[in-house]
PDB file of N, CA and C in Angstrom:
ATOM      1  N   MET A   1     -62.521-175.942  58.905  1.00  0.00           N
ATOM      2  CA  MET A   1     -63.376-174.646  58.077  1.00  0.00           C
ATOM      3  C   MET A   1     -65.030-174.941  57.843  1.00  0.00           C
ATOM      4  N   THR A   2     -65.310-174.298  58.389  1.00  0.00           N
ATOM      5  CA  THR A   2     -66.830-174.146  58.288  1.00  0.00           C
ATOM      6  C   THR A   2     -66.899-173.297  57.110  1.00  0.00           C
ATOM      7  N   PRO A   3     -68.513-174.106  56.349  1.00  0.00           N
ATOM      8  CA  PRO A   3     -68.881-173.420  55.156  1.00  0.00           C
ATOM      9  C   PRO A   3     -69.772-171.813  55.941  1.00  0.00           C
ATOM     10  N   GLU A   4     -69.357-171.014  54.492  1.00  0.00           N
ATOM     11  CA  GLU A   4     -70.721-169.743  54.852  1.00  0.00           C
ATOM     12  C   GLU A   4     -71.480-170.074  54.803  1.00  0.00           C
ATOM     13  N   LYS A   5     -72.295-168.776  55.891  1.00  0.00           N
ATOM     14  CA  LYS A   5     -74.014-169.011  56.036  1.00  0.00           C
ATOM     15  C   LYS A   5     -74.074-168.792  54.532  1.00  0.00           C
ATOM     16  N   LYS A   6     -75.613-169.295  54.025  1.00  0.00           N
ATOM     17  CA  LYS A   6     -76.053-168.440  53.188  1.00  0.00           C
ATOM     18  C   LYS A   6     -76.793-167.546  53.700  1.00  0.00           C
ATOM     19  N   LYS A   7     -76.797-166.316  52.333  1.00  0.00           N
ATOM     20  CA  LYS A   7     -77.305-165.188  53.019  1.00  0.00           C
ATOM     21  C   LYS A   7     -79.154-164.722  52.231  1.00  0.00           C
ATOM     22  N   ILE A   8     -79.683-164.456  52.971  1.00  0.00           N
ATOM     23  CA  ILE A   8     -81.303-164.095  52.309  1.00  0.00           C
ATOM     24  C   ILE A   8     -81.823-163.004  53.096  1.00  0.00           C
ATOM     25  N   LEU A   9     -82.032-162.452  51.618  1.00  0.00           N
ATOM     26  CA  LEU A   9     -82.787-161.170  51.451  1.00  0.00           C
ATOM     27  C   LEU A   9     -84.780-161.285  51.555  1.00  0.00           C
ATOM     28  N   ILE A  10     -85.120-160.906  52.533  1.00  0.00           N
ATOM     29  CA  ILE A  10     -86.572-160.633  52.072  1.00  0.00           C
ATOM     30  C   ILE A  10     -87.009-159.170  51.778  1.00  0.00           C
ATOM     31  N   VAL A  11     -87.812-158.691  50.992  1.00  0.00           N
ATOM     32  CA  VAL A  11     -88.098-157.542  50.120  1.00  0.00           C
ATOM     33  C   VAL A  11     -89.771-157.711  50.378  1.00  0.00           C
ATOM     34  N   GLU A  12     -89.905-157.521  51.796  1.00  0.00           N
ATOM     35  CA  GLU A  12     -91.612-157.176  51.829  1.00  0.00           C
ATOM     36  C   GLU A  12     -92.011-156.098  52.585  1.00  0.00           C
ATOM     37  N   ASP A  13     -93.060-155.079  52.064  1.00  0.00           N
ATOM     38  CA  ASP A  13     -93.921-154.182  52.685  1.00  0.00           C
ATOM     39  C   ASP A  13     -94.944-154.617  53.969  1.00  0.00           C
ATOM     40  N   ASP A  14     -95.109-155.538  54.211  1.00  0.00           N
ATOM     41  CA  ASP A  14     -95.819-156.105  55.432  1.00  0.00           C
ATOM     42  C   ASP A  14     -95.246-156.282  56.304  1.00  0.00           C
ATOM     43  N   GLU A  15     -94.868-155.425  57.790  1.00  0.00           N
ATOM     44  CA  GLU A  15     -94.156-155.215  58.261  1.00  0.00           C
ATOM     45  C   GLU A  15     -94.471-156.893  58.996  1.00  0.00           C
ATOM     46  N   ALA A  16     -95.904-157.248  59.415  1.00  0.00           N
ATOM     47  CA  ALA A  16     -96.346-158.622  60.076  1.00  0.00           C
ATOM     48  C   ALA A  16     -95.553-159.560  59.484  1.00  0.00           C
ATOM     49  N   THR A  17     -95.638-160.032  58.227  1.00  0.00           N
ATOM     50  CA  THR A  17     -95.158-160.772  56.925  1.00  0.00           C
ATOM     51  C   THR A  17     -93.286-160.987  57.053  1.00  0.00           C
ATOM     52  N   LEU A  18     -93.231-159.648  57.039  1.00  0.00           N
ATOM     53  CA  LEU A  18     -91.216-160.061  57.244  1.00  0.00           C
ATOM     54  C   LEU A  18     -90.827-160.342  58.962  1.00  0.00           C
ATOM     55  N   HIS A  19     -92.035-160.359  59.863  1.00  0.00           N
ATOM     56  CA  HIS A  19     -91.318-160.832  61.184  1.00  0.00           C
ATOM     57  C   HIS A  19     -91.679-162.373  61.262  1.00  0.00           C
ATOM     58  N   LEU A  20     -92.390-162.533  60.507  1.00  0.00           N
ATOM     59  CA  LEU A  20     -93.390-163.483  60.350  1.00  0.00           C
ATOM     60  C   LEU A  20     -92.260-164.427  59.847  1.00  0.00           C
ATOM     61  N   PHE A  21     -92.072-164.278  58.350  1.00  0.00           N
ATOM     62  CA  PHE A  21     -90.912-165.203  57.854  1.00  0.00           C
ATOM     63  C   PHE A  21     -88.756-164.855  57.959  1.00  0.00           C
ATOM     64  N   GLY A  22     -88.878-163.547  58.574  1.00  0.00           N
ATOM     65  CA  GLY A  22     -87.865-164.282  59.826  1.00  0.00           C
ATOM     66  C   GLY A  22     -87.519-164.773  61.174  1.00  0.00           C
ATOM     67  N   HIS A  23     -88.892-165.101  61.071  1.00  0.00           N
ATOM     68  CA  HIS A  23     -89.371-166.040  62.849  1.00  0.00           C
ATOM     69  C   HIS A  23     -89.206-167.537  61.827  1.00  0.00           C
ATOM     70  N   TYR A  24     -89.766-167.567  61.326  1.00  0.00           N
ATOM     71  CA  TYR A  24     -89.504-169.167  59.988  1.00  0.00           C
ATOM     72  C   TYR A  24     -88.158-169.562  59.739  1.00  0.00           C
ATOM     73  N   LEU A  25     -86.920-168.081  59.879  1.00  0.00           N
ATOM     74  CA  LEU A  25     -85.839-168.544  58.936  1.00  0.00           C
ATOM     75  C   LEU A  25     -84.558-168.347  60.308  1.00  0.00           C
ATOM     76  N   GLU A  26     -85.640-168.380  61.500  1.00  0.00           N
ATOM     77  CA  GLU A  26     -84.202-168.423  62.798  1.00  0.00           C
ATOM     78  C   GLU A  26     -83.364-169.648  63.174  1.00  0.00           C
ATOM     79  N   GLY A  27     -84.399-170.762  62.861  1.00  0.00           N
ATOM     80  CA  GLY A  27     -83.649-171.890  62.996  1.00  0.00           C
ATOM     81  C   GLY A  27     -82.435-172.527  62.373  1.00  0.00           C
ATOM     82  N   GLU A  28     -82.788-171.954  60.844  1.00  0.00           N
ATOM     83  CA  GLU A  28     -82.065-171.849  59.608  1.00  0.00           C
ATOM     84  C   GLU A  28     -80.241-171.598  59.826  1.00  0.00           C
ATOM     85  N   ASP A  29     -79.279-171.985  59.820  1.00  0.00           N
ATOM     86  CA  ASP A  29     -78.299-171.857  59.125  1.00  0.00           C
ATOM     87  C   ASP A  29     -78.187-170.359  58.298  1.00  0.00           C
ATOM     88  N   CYS A  30     -78.731-168.893  58.406  1.00  0.00           N
ATOM     89  CA  CYS A  30     -78.279-168.527  57.344  1.00  0.00           C
ATOM     90  C   CYS A  30     -78.610-166.383  58.115  1.00  0.00           C
ATOM     91  N   GLU A  31     -77.806-166.069  56.797  1.00  0.00           N
ATOM     92  CA  GLU A  31     -77.727-164.631  57.490  1.00  0.00           C
ATOM     93  C   GLU A  31     -79.355-163.799  56.796  1.00  0.00           C
ATOM     94  N   VAL A  32     -79.802-163.333  57.486  1.00  0.00           N
ATOM     95  CA  VAL A  32     -81.109-162.604  57.080  1.00  0.00           C
ATOM     96  C   VAL A  32     -81.167-161.045  56.870  1.00  0.00           C
ATOM     97  N   PHE A  33     -81.201-160.357  55.863  1.00  0.00           N
ATOM     98  CA  PHE A  33     -81.361-158.530  55.544  1.00  0.00           C
ATOM     99  C   PHE A  33     -82.530-158.885  55.124  1.00  0.00           C
ATOM    100  N   CYS A  34     -83.321-157.409  55.401  1.00  0.00           N
ATOM    101  CA  CYS A  34     -84.533-157.409  54.935  1.00  0.00           C
ATOM    102  C   CYS A  34     -84.932-155.791  54.533  1.00  0.00           C
ATOM    103  N   ALA A  35     -86.006-155.367  53.553  1.00  0.00           N
ATOM    104  CA  ALA A  35     -85.670-154.460  52.466  1.00  0.00           C
ATOM    105  C   ALA A  35     -87.501-154.348  52.423  1.00  0.00           C
ATOM    106  N   VAL A  36     -87.978-152.942  52.929  1.00  0.00           N
ATOM    107  CA  VAL A  36     -89.409-152.766  52.745  1.00  0.00           C
ATOM    108  C   VAL A  36     -90.074-152.349  51.306  1.00  0.00           C
ATOM    109  N   ASP A  37     -89.340-152.204  50.341  1.00  0.00           N
ATOM    110  CA  ASP A  37     -89.611-151.601  49.068  1.00  0.00           C
ATOM    111  C   ASP A  37     -88.730-151.943  47.869  1.00  0.00           C
ATOM    112  N   GLY A  38     -89.013-151.916  46.834  1.00  0.00           N
ATOM    113  CA  GLY A  38     -88.427-152.620  45.467  1.00  0.00           C
ATOM    114  C   GLY A  38     -87.499-151.947  45.271  1.00  0.00           C
ATOM    115  N   ARG A  39     -87.230-150.518  45.611  1.00  0.00           N
ATOM    116  CA  ARG A  39     -86.196-149.980  44.826  1.00  0.00           C
ATOM    117  C   ARG A  39     -84.759-150.295  46.494  1.00  0.00           C
ATOM    118  N   GLU A  40     -85.210-150.250  47.454  1.00  0.00           N
ATOM    119  CA  GLU A  40     -84.364-150.472  48.473  1.00  0.00           C
ATOM    120  C   GLU A  40     -83.948-152.172  48.572  1.00  0.00           C
ATOM    121  N   GLY A  41     -84.704-152.941  48.196  1.00  0.00           N
ATOM    122  CA  GLY A  41     -84.360-154.509  48.014  1.00  0.00           C
ATOM    123  C   GLY A  41     -83.494-154.212  46.979  1.00  0.00           C
ATOM    124  N   LEU A  42     -83.372-153.866  45.669  1.00  0.00           N
ATOM    125  CA  LEU A  42     -82.806-153.922  44.772  1.00  0.00           C
ATOM    126  C   LEU A  42     -80.867-153.265  45.224  1.00  0.00           C
ATOM    127  N   GLU A  43     -81.317-152.321  46.141  1.00  0.00           N
ATOM    128  CA  GLU A  43     -79.934-151.706  46.699  1.00  0.00           C
ATOM    129  C   GLU A  43     -78.918-152.748  47.329  1.00  0.00           C
ATOM    130  N   VAL A  44     -80.012-153.339  48.579  1.00  0.00           N
ATOM    131  CA  VAL A  44     -79.273-154.163  49.739  1.00  0.00           C
ATOM    132  C   VAL A  44     -79.319-155.585  48.912  1.00  0.00           C
ATOM    133  N   ALA A  45     -80.006-155.797  47.528  1.00  0.00           N
ATOM    134  CA  ALA A  45     -79.194-157.018  47.074  1.00  0.00           C
ATOM    135  C   ALA A  45     -77.747-157.122  46.153  1.00  0.00           C
ATOM    136  N   LYS A  46     -77.943-155.775  45.988  1.00  0.00           N
ATOM    137  CA  LYS A  46     -76.527-155.206  45.480  1.00  0.00           C
ATOM    138  C   LYS A  46     -75.196-155.032  46.194  1.00  0.00           C
ATOM    139  N   ALA A  47     -75.392-154.936  47.253  1.00  0.00           N
ATOM    140  CA  ALA A  47     -74.782-154.598  48.416  1.00  0.00           C
ATOM    141  C   ALA A  47     -74.121-156.099  49.262  1.00  0.00           C
ATOM    142  N   LYS A  48     -75.516-156.778  49.800  1.00  0.00           N
ATOM    143  CA  LYS A  48     -74.889-158.043  50.194  1.00  0.00           C
ATOM    144  C   LYS A  48     -74.851-159.644  49.785  1.00  0.00           C
ATOM    145  N   ARG A  49     -75.330-159.131  47.938  1.00  0.00           N
ATOM    146  CA  ARG A  49     -75.239-160.511  47.141  1.00  0.00           C
ATOM    147  C   ARG A  49     -75.222-161.846  47.849  1.00  0.00           C
ATOM    148  N   PRO A  50     -77.024-161.400  47.932  1.00  0.00           N
ATOM    149  CA  PRO A  50     -77.313-163.112  48.738  1.00  0.00           C
ATOM    150  C   PRO A  50     -77.646-164.228  47.752  1.00  0.00           C
ATOM    151  N   ASP A  51     -78.077-165.262  48.795  1.00  0.00           N
ATOM    152  CA  ASP A  51     -77.916-166.270  47.791  1.00  0.00           C
ATOM    153  C   ASP A  51     -79.517-166.679  47.182  1.00  0.00           C
ATOM    154  N   LEU A  52     -79.986-165.633  48.013  1.00  0.00           N
ATOM    155  CA  LEU A  52     -81.696-166.100  47.921  1.00  0.00           C
ATOM    156  C   LEU A  52     -82.791-164.917  47.986  1.00  0.00           C
ATOM    157  N   VAL A  53     -83.597-164.342  47.019  1.00  0.00           N
ATOM    158  CA  VAL A  53     -84.226-162.743  47.787  1.00  0.00           C
ATOM    159  C   VAL A  53     -85.575-164.037  47.672  1.00  0.00           C
ATOM    160  N   ILE A  54     -86.534-163.615  49.044  1.00  0.00           N
ATOM    161  CA  ILE A  54     -87.861-163.722  48.843  1.00  0.00           C
ATOM    162  C   ILE A  54     -88.850-162.508  49.046  1.00  0.00           C
ATOM    163  N   LEU A  55     -89.362-162.606  47.826  1.00  0.00           N
ATOM    164  CA  LEU A  55     -89.753-161.131  46.924  1.00  0.00           C
ATOM    165  C   LEU A  55     -91.480-161.376  46.953  1.00  0.00           C
ATOM    166  N   ASP A  56     -92.074-160.027  47.984  1.00  0.00           N
ATOM    167  CA  ASP A  56     -93.282-159.887  47.113  1.00  0.00           C
ATOM    168  C   ASP A  56     -93.463-159.345  45.933  1.00  0.00           C
ATOM    169  N   LEU A  57     -94.998-159.352  45.763  1.00  0.00           N
ATOM    170  CA  LEU A  57     -95.060-159.022  44.282  1.00  0.00           C
ATOM    171  C   LEU A  57     -95.573-157.111  44.428  1.00  0.00           C
ATOM    172  N   MET A  58     -95.902-157.041  45.350  1.00  0.00           N
ATOM    173  CA  MET A  58     -96.940-155.825  45.601  1.00  0.00           C
ATOM    174  C   MET A  58     -96.788-154.737  46.666  1.00  0.00           C
ATOM    175  N   LEU A  59     -95.475-154.080  46.089  1.00  0.00           N
ATOM    176  CA  LEU A  59     -94.321-153.450  46.744  1.00  0.00           C
ATOM    177  C   LEU A  59     -94.303-151.861  46.215  1.00  0.00           C
ATOM    178  N   PRO A  60     -94.038-151.397  47.096  1.00  0.00           N
ATOM    179  CA  PRO A  60     -94.083-149.710  46.334  1.00  0.00           C
ATOM    180  C   PRO A  60     -92.447-149.160  46.216  1.00  0.00           C
ATOM    181  N   GLU A  61     -92.887-148.117  45.673  1.00  0.00           N
ATOM    182  CA  GLU A  61     -91.094-148.181  44.839  1.00  0.00           C
ATOM    183  C   GLU A  61     -91.180-148.630  43.446  1.00  0.00           C
ATOM    184  N   ILE A  62     -90.427-150.012  43.604  1.00  0.00           N
ATOM    185  CA  ILE A  62     -91.048-150.498  42.618  1.00  0.00           C
ATOM    186  C   ILE A  62     -91.437-151.930  42.603  1.00  0.00           C
ATOM    187  N   HIS A  63     -92.214-151.847  41.636  1.00  0.00           N
ATOM    188  CA  HIS A  63     -92.986-153.741  41.803  1.00  0.00           C
ATOM    189  C   HIS A  63     -92.371-154.957  41.687  1.00  0.00           C
ATOM    190  N   GLY A  64     -92.418-155.820  42.461  1.00  0.00           N
ATOM    191  CA  GLY A  64     -91.816-157.309  42.446  1.00  0.00           C
ATOM    192  C   GLY A  64     -91.510-157.814  41.028  1.00  0.00           C
ATOM    193  N   ILE A  65     -92.071-157.494  40.279  1.00  0.00           N
ATOM    194  CA  ILE A  65     -91.443-158.428  38.622  1.00  0.00           C
ATOM    195  C   ILE A  65     -90.359-157.273  38.432  1.00  0.00           C
ATOM    196  N   GLY A  66     -90.564-155.438  38.513  1.00  0.00           N
ATOM    197  CA  GLY A  66     -89.453-154.966  38.421  1.00  0.00           C
ATOM    198  C   GLY A  66     -88.190-155.471  38.769  1.00  0.00           C
ATOM    199  N   VAL A  67     -88.295-155.491  40.665  1.00  0.00           N
ATOM    200  CA  VAL A  67     -87.323-155.900  41.182  1.00  0.00           C
ATOM    201  C   VAL A  67     -86.656-157.638  40.952  1.00  0.00           C
ATOM    202  N   CYS A  68     -87.309-158.169  40.681  1.00  0.00           N
ATOM    203  CA  CYS A  68     -86.995-159.254  39.973  1.00  0.00           C
ATOM    204  C   CYS A  68     -85.970-159.521  38.365  1.00  0.00           C
ATOM    205  N   LEU A  69     -86.720-158.243  37.735  1.00  0.00           N
ATOM    206  CA  LEU A  69     -85.796-158.703  36.603  1.00  0.00           C
ATOM    207  C   LEU A  69     -84.570-157.961  36.514  1.00  0.00           C
ATOM    208  N   GLY A  70     -84.600-156.684  37.566  1.00  0.00           N
ATOM    209  CA  GLY A  70     -83.515-155.964  37.930  1.00  0.00           C
ATOM    210  C   GLY A  70     -82.756-157.063  38.541  1.00  0.00           C
ATOM    211  N   LEU A  71     -82.630-157.665  39.373  1.00  0.00           N
ATOM    212  CA  LEU A  71     -81.957-158.972  39.985  1.00  0.00           C
ATOM    213  C   LEU A  71     -80.988-159.527  38.664  1.00  0.00           C
ATOM    214  N   LYS A  72     -82.301-160.543  38.175  1.00  0.00           N
ATOM    215  CA  LYS A  72     -81.889-161.309  36.838  1.00  0.00           C
ATOM    216  C   LYS A  72     -80.358-160.684  35.865  1.00  0.00           C
ATOM    217  N   GLY A  73     -80.925-159.564  35.784  1.00  0.00           N
ATOM    218  CA  GLY A  73     -80.465-158.502  34.765  1.00  0.00           C
ATOM    219  C   GLY A  73     -79.349-158.072  34.907  1.00  0.00           C
ATOM    220  N   ASP A  74     -78.250-157.986  36.469  1.00  0.00           N
ATOM    221  CA  ASP A  74     -77.675-157.450  36.713  1.00  0.00           C
ATOM    222  C   ASP A  74     -76.478-158.594  37.205  1.00  0.00           C
ATOM    223  N   ILE A  75     -74.819-158.210  36.679  1.00  0.00           N
ATOM    224  CA  ILE A  75     -74.070-159.497  36.775  1.00  0.00           C
ATOM    225  C   ILE A  75     -73.692-159.573  38.125  1.00  0.00           C
ATOM    226  N   ALA A  76     -73.637-158.658  39.149  1.00  0.00           N
ATOM    227  CA  ALA A  76     -73.645-158.381  40.814  1.00  0.00           C
ATOM    228  C   ALA A  76     -74.903-159.571  41.461  1.00  0.00           C
ATOM    229  N   THR A  77     -75.884-159.844  40.808  1.00  0.00           N
ATOM    230  CA  THR A  77     -77.207-160.725  41.357  1.00  0.00           C
ATOM    231  C   THR A  77     -77.863-161.545  40.924  1.00  0.00           C
ATOM    232  N   LYS A  78     -77.208-161.618  39.223  1.00  0.00           N
ATOM    233  CA  LYS A  78     -78.263-162.926  38.763  1.00  0.00           C
ATOM    234  C   LYS A  78     -78.181-164.177  39.268  1.00  0.00           C
ATOM    235  N   HIS A  79     -76.956-163.980  40.291  1.00  0.00           N
ATOM    236  CA  HIS A  79     -76.846-165.844  40.772  1.00  0.00           C
ATOM    237  C   HIS A  79     -78.223-165.986  41.851  1.00  0.00           C
ATOM    238  N   ALA A  80     -78.357-165.151  42.396  1.00  0.00           N
ATOM    239  CA  ALA A  80     -79.741-165.063  43.372  1.00  0.00           C
ATOM    240  C   ALA A  80     -80.317-165.446  42.443  1.00  0.00           C
ATOM    241  N   LYS A  81     -81.298-166.556  43.617  1.00  0.00           N
ATOM    242  CA  LYS A  81     -82.731-167.306  43.618  1.00  0.00           C
ATOM    243  C   LYS A  81     -83.808-166.493  43.615  1.00  0.00           C
ATOM    244  N   VAL A  82     -84.750-166.764  43.266  1.00  0.00           N
ATOM    245  CA  VAL A  82     -85.666-165.883  43.669  1.00  0.00           C
ATOM    246  C   VAL A  82     -86.776-166.269  44.083  1.00  0.00           C
ATOM    247  N   LEU A  83     -87.011-166.015  45.253  1.00  0.00           N
ATOM    248  CA  LEU A  83     -88.401-167.481  45.845  1.00  0.00           C
ATOM    249  C   LEU A  83     -90.028-165.723  45.429  1.00  0.00           C
ATOM    250  N   ILE A  84     -90.784-166.228  45.175  1.00  0.00           N
ATOM    251  CA  ILE A  84     -91.616-165.343  45.144  1.00  0.00           C
ATOM    252  C   ILE A  84     -92.713-165.333  45.992  1.00  0.00           C
ATOM    253  N   VAL A  85     -93.786-164.142  47.158  1.00  0.00           N
ATOM    254  CA  VAL A  85     -94.312-165.107  47.509  1.00  0.00           C
ATOM    255  C   VAL A  85     -95.372-164.057  48.326  1.00  0.00           C
ATOM    256  N   SER A  86     -96.329-164.192  47.579  1.00  0.00           N
ATOM    257  CA  SER A  86     -97.513-163.346  47.102  1.00  0.00           C
ATOM    258  C   SER A  86     -99.556-163.367  46.827  1.00  0.00           C
ATOM    259  N   VAL A  87     -99.863-162.493  47.673  1.00  0.00           N
ATOM    260  CA  VAL A  87    -101.562-162.561  47.572  1.00  0.00           C
ATOM    261  C   VAL A  87    -102.034-162.641  46.151  1.00  0.00           C
ATOM    262  N   LYS A  88    -101.010-162.213  45.003  1.00  0.00           N
ATOM    263  CA  LYS A  88    -101.255-162.422  43.848  1.00  0.00           C
ATOM    264  C   LYS A  88    -101.144-163.914  43.385  1.00  0.00           C
ATOM    265  N   GLY A  89    -101.645-164.391  43.288  1.00  0.00           N
ATOM    266  CA  GLY A  89    -101.502-166.119  43.353  1.00  0.00           C
ATOM    267  C   GLY A  89    -102.383-166.705  42.223  1.00  0.00           C
ATOM    268  N   PHE A  90    -102.798-165.901  41.205  1.00  0.00           N
ATOM    269  CA  PHE A  90    -103.154-166.743  40.037  1.00  0.00           C
ATOM    270  C   PHE A  90    -102.639-166.784  38.862  1.00  0.00           C
ATOM    271  N   ALA A  91    -102.507-167.802  37.922  1.00  0.00           N
ATOM    272  CA  ALA A  91    -101.859-168.533  36.553  1.00  0.00           C
ATOM    273  C   ALA A  91    -100.718-166.985  36.030  1.00  0.00           C
ATOM    274  N   ALA A  92    -101.682-166.076  35.740  1.00  0.00           N
ATOM    275  CA  ALA A  92    -101.294-164.875  35.133  1.00  0.00           C
ATOM    276  C   ALA A  92    -100.234-163.806  36.058  1.00  0.00           C
ATOM    277  N   ASP A  93    -100.099-164.230  37.524  1.00  0.00           N
ATOM    278  CA  ASP A  93     -99.046-163.586  38.373  1.00  0.00           C
ATOM    279  C   ASP A  93     -98.472-164.769  37.952  1.00  0.00           C
ATOM    280  N   ARG A  94     -98.481-165.952  37.826  1.00  0.00           N
ATOM    281  CA  ARG A  94     -97.374-166.850  38.332  1.00  0.00           C
ATOM    282  C   ARG A  94     -96.670-167.178  36.727  1.00  0.00           C
ATOM    283  N   LYS A  95     -97.053-166.722  35.648  1.00  0.00           N
ATOM    284  CA  LYS A  95     -96.326-167.362  34.538  1.00  0.00           C
ATOM    285  C   LYS A  95     -95.377-165.822  34.668  1.00  0.00           C
ATOM    286  N   GLN A  96     -96.346-164.635  34.627  1.00  0.00           N
ATOM    287  CA  GLN A  96     -95.520-163.021  34.554  1.00  0.00           C
ATOM    288  C   GLN A  96     -93.922-163.274  35.662  1.00  0.00           C
ATOM    289  N   ALA A  97     -94.309-163.880  37.000  1.00  0.00           N
ATOM    290  CA  ALA A  97     -92.969-164.137  37.596  1.00  0.00           C
ATOM    291  C   ALA A  97     -91.789-165.044  36.923  1.00  0.00           C
ATOM    292  N   ALA A  98     -92.140-165.937  36.454  1.00  0.00           N
ATOM    293  CA  ALA A  98     -91.372-167.299  35.369  1.00  0.00           C
ATOM    294  C   ALA A  98     -90.630-166.421  34.668  1.00  0.00           C
ATOM    295  N   GLU A  99     -91.446-165.431  33.674  1.00  0.00           N
ATOM    296  CA  GLU A  99     -90.704-165.068  32.479  1.00  0.00           C
ATOM    297  C   GLU A  99     -89.699-163.999  32.988  1.00  0.00           C
ATOM    298  N   ALA A 100     -90.305-163.544  33.759  1.00  0.00           N
ATOM    299  CA  ALA A 100     -89.167-162.336  35.166  1.00  0.00           C
ATOM    300  C   ALA A 100     -87.848-163.228  35.545  1.00  0.00           C
ATOM    301  N   GLY A 101     -87.752-164.338  35.554  1.00  0.00           N
ATOM    302  CA  GLY A 101     -87.290-165.366  35.979  1.00  0.00           C
ATOM    303  C   GLY A 101     -87.189-165.866  37.541  1.00  0.00           C
ATOM    304  N   ALA A 102     -88.053-165.481  37.873  1.00  0.00           N
ATOM    305  CA  ALA A 102     -88.647-166.237  39.402  1.00  0.00           C
ATOM    306  C   ALA A 102     -88.363-167.802  39.328  1.00  0.00           C
ATOM    307  N   ASP A 103     -87.187-168.194  40.226  1.00  0.00           N
ATOM    308  CA  ASP A 103     -86.725-169.767  40.301  1.00  0.00           C
ATOM    309  C   ASP A 103     -88.515-170.209  40.972  1.00  0.00           C
ATOM    310  N   HIS A 104     -89.406-169.572  41.824  1.00  0.00           N
ATOM    311  CA  HIS A 104     -90.509-170.827  42.407  1.00  0.00           C
ATOM    312  C   HIS A 104     -91.568-169.616  42.768  1.00  0.00           C
ATOM    313  N   PHE A 105     -92.454-169.904  42.842  1.00  0.00           N
ATOM    314  CA  PHE A 105     -94.054-169.010  43.769  1.00  0.00           C
ATOM    315  C   PHE A 105     -94.261-169.719  44.627  1.00  0.00           C
ATOM    316  N   LEU A 106     -94.776-168.665  45.160  1.00  0.00           N
ATOM    317  CA  LEU A 106     -95.801-169.505  46.858  1.00  0.00           C
ATOM    318  C   LEU A 106     -97.053-168.731  47.273  1.00  0.00           C
ATOM    319  N   ALA A 107     -98.413-168.873  47.026  1.00  0.00           N
ATOM    320  CA  ALA A 107     -99.133-168.077  47.155  1.00  0.00           C
ATOM    321  C   ALA A 107     -99.753-168.004  48.903  1.00  0.00           C
ATOM    322  N   LYS A 108     -99.855-166.440  49.195  1.00  0.00           N
ATOM    323  CA  LYS A 108     -99.926-166.365  50.762  1.00  0.00           C
ATOM    324  C   LYS A 108    -101.527-166.610  50.946  1.00  0.00           C
ATOM    325  N   PRO A 109    -101.883-166.947  52.146  1.00  0.00           N
ATOM    326  CA  PRO A 109    -100.744-167.101  52.975  1.00  0.00           C
ATOM    327  C   PRO A 109     -99.934-168.476  53.186  1.00  0.00           C
ATOM    328  N   VAL A 110     -98.678-168.349  53.397  1.00  0.00           N
ATOM    329  CA  VAL A 110     -98.054-169.971  53.197  1.00  0.00           C
ATOM    330  C   VAL A 110     -97.953-170.627  54.271  1.00  0.00           C
ATOM    331  N   SER A 111     -97.770-172.124  54.797  1.00  0.00           N
ATOM    332  CA  SER A 111     -97.366-172.631  56.196  1.00  0.00           C
ATOM    333  C   SER A 111     -95.778-172.378  56.147  1.00  0.00           C
ATOM    334  N   ARG A 112     -95.585-172.651  57.269  1.00  0.00           N
ATOM    335  CA  ARG A 112     -94.153-172.453  57.439  1.00  0.00           C
ATOM    336  C   ARG A 112     -93.288-173.548  56.848  1.00  0.00           C
ATOM    337  N   GLN A 113     -94.046-174.707  56.961  1.00  0.00           N
ATOM    338  CA  GLN A 113     -93.579-175.849  56.310  1.00  0.00           C
ATOM    339  C   GLN A 113     -93.295-175.999  54.997  1.00  0.00           C
ATOM    340  N   ASP A 114     -94.244-175.528  54.211  1.00  0.00           N
ATOM    341  CA  ASP A 114     -94.134-175.312  52.865  1.00  0.00           C
ATOM    342  C   ASP A 114     -93.392-173.890  52.406  1.00  0.00           C
ATOM    343  N   PHE A 115     -93.130-172.885  52.614  1.00  0.00           N
ATOM    344  CA  PHE A 115     -92.277-172.077  53.124  1.00  0.00           C
ATOM    345  C   PHE A 115     -90.028-172.524  53.263  1.00  0.00           C
ATOM    346  N   LEU A 116     -90.258-173.228  54.368  1.00  0.00           N
ATOM    347  CA  LEU A 116     -88.811-173.749  54.434  1.00  0.00           C
ATOM    348  C   LEU A 116     -88.886-174.904  53.316  1.00  0.00           C
ATOM    349  N   THR A 117     -89.762-175.517  53.308  1.00  0.00           N
ATOM    350  CA  THR A 117     -89.072-176.427  51.646  1.00  0.00           C
ATOM    351  C   THR A 117     -89.092-175.923  50.899  1.00  0.00           C
ATOM    352  N   ALA A 118     -89.408-174.789  50.722  1.00  0.00           N
ATOM    353  CA  ALA A 118     -89.185-174.209  49.428  1.00  0.00           C
ATOM    354  C   ALA A 118     -87.715-173.288  49.382  1.00  0.00           C
ATOM    355  N   VAL A 119     -87.588-172.684  50.303  1.00  0.00           N
ATOM    356  CA  VAL A 119     -86.044-171.846  51.311  1.00  0.00           C
ATOM    357  C   VAL A 119     -85.116-173.344  50.572  1.00  0.00           C
ATOM    358  N   ARG A 120     -85.315-174.248  51.534  1.00  0.00           N
ATOM    359  CA  ARG A 120     -84.135-174.816  51.220  1.00  0.00           C
ATOM    360  C   ARG A 120     -83.942-175.689  49.858  1.00  0.00           C
ATOM    361  N   ASP A 121     -84.655-175.868  49.254  1.00  0.00           N
ATOM    362  CA  ASP A 121     -84.570-176.697  47.916  1.00  0.00           C
ATOM    363  C   ASP A 121     -83.969-175.243  46.934  1.00  0.00           C
ATOM    364  N   LEU A 122     -83.771-174.224  47.231  1.00  0.00           N
ATOM    365  CA  LEU A 122     -83.758-173.235  46.297  1.00  0.00           C
ATOM    366  C   LEU A 122     -82.203-172.741  46.726  1.00  0.00           C
ATOM    367  N   LEU A 123     -81.653-173.050  48.122  1.00  0.00           N
ATOM    368  CA  LEU A 123     -80.578-173.018  48.417  1.00  0.00           C
ATOM    369  C   LEU A 123     -79.147-174.054  48.863  1.00  0.00           C
ATOM    370  N   LYS A 124     -79.648-175.464  47.991  1.00  0.00           N
ATOM    371  CA  LYS A 124     -79.006-176.818  47.119  1.00  0.00           C
ATOM    372  C   LYS A 124     -78.139-176.230  46.869  1.00  0.00           C
TER     373      LYS A 124
END
C-alpha cells in the first residue's frame, strides 16, 4: 500500500510566483492546489485539508496574517503547517507571522533549494 500524497496549497496572487512555486514542487510526491486571494485560500483549505499551506502576506481579500489565523483557528485546518513566503521580511513581519501561528518564514526572492528544504522539513 502506497502512502497518500501530501497535499500542498499555494496561496499567492502573483501569477509568476505561483507558477514558479508549482514548478519547484513538480519533482516532489505531492498534490498541489492553488488560490489567488486570502478568501479563496481559506475556502480551498477547508475543502482540501492540505498538509502544508504556502502563503503570501500581501493578498487581496484577506491579508496573509488573517488567513494564517483563520487556518490555525479552524478545527478542519489547524493541523496544516503554514509556510509564509513574502517580500515583507522585516523582523516585525516575521514576529507577526509567528504570533499568528506560522510554522516557518522565508523572504522573497527565495532559492529553489531553500524553498524545498523548508517544504520537506515541514512535511516530515
